[in-house]
Amino acid sequence: MRIITVLFFAAILSSSITTVSAAGDLSEPEKRVLQQLKREAGATFAIHWHSKTNTPSLITGQLTKPSKYPPEWIAYKFLNQTKALYGLRNPKINMQITEIKEIPDNTVQVRLQHVLYKTPVWGDELVIQMDDQGVINRVEGKLTPHLEEKTFNRPMYAAISKKKAIAIALASSQAGSMQVEDPKVDMYYHPTIAGTPLIYVVSLKNNEFEHKYQKILIHSLSGRVIEHRNL
């Protein structure tokens, strides 16, 4: 079925240089968005899919018309038009701009963090690039779709405090009793954890570490250490 789906969309979006990588079964709204993008971009259009989330990992081409509006307006308009592909209910609420900057080749880059109930989603973000005419030509990143449904449309709450999370992180890290410079703790939804996906991410910094920076992921309900990440 996967091969049939890919061939079907290759036929819909066919051109000599168009790339359509593997995608699972898509809904009618998703198909309509793909057709709209293809009409806008023509032969420049290419799309690749994230194998686990079945959302686009990379879209390239002349994806929008020129615009004199600010980059954030252009980015949100694009996401409103393509929200079916990414499984977003309301991009203005679900996607928070964290950075707008100019990069080489007269390109503006807008970075957006996926947010659920005003809390960021771990590892989920998009980077939208546009030229100096306001034409979006590249959208890259990972989004986990329909997270509201996976959490039964209700926000979750931690059972342990931030202070407790820091203590757990210190106990499980190579920091031990060493002086650590200002541990930082943030709350996230983890998109692949079943049940209660709310986690703390504790960031540690110490020049005595083999790796100077560490991030330790801790389950907010059980206090279990989920992952150590050395940076």
Foldseek 3Di string as FASTA:
>chain_A
DQVVVQVVVCVLLPDPQEADETADDADPLQVVLSNLQSVQFPPFWYWDADPPQRATQKIFGQRDDFDPDDLVVLVLVVCVSNVSRQQDDHCVVQWAWDDWDDDPPQKIKTKIFGDDPNATEPQFIKIWIDHNRSGTGMIHGDHHHDVCVQVVVDDDDFPDDPVVLVVLVCVPDPCPPPDWPDKDKGWHFYRPDHDGRIWIWIWTADPPDPQRIWIWIAGRHPRDTDDIDGD
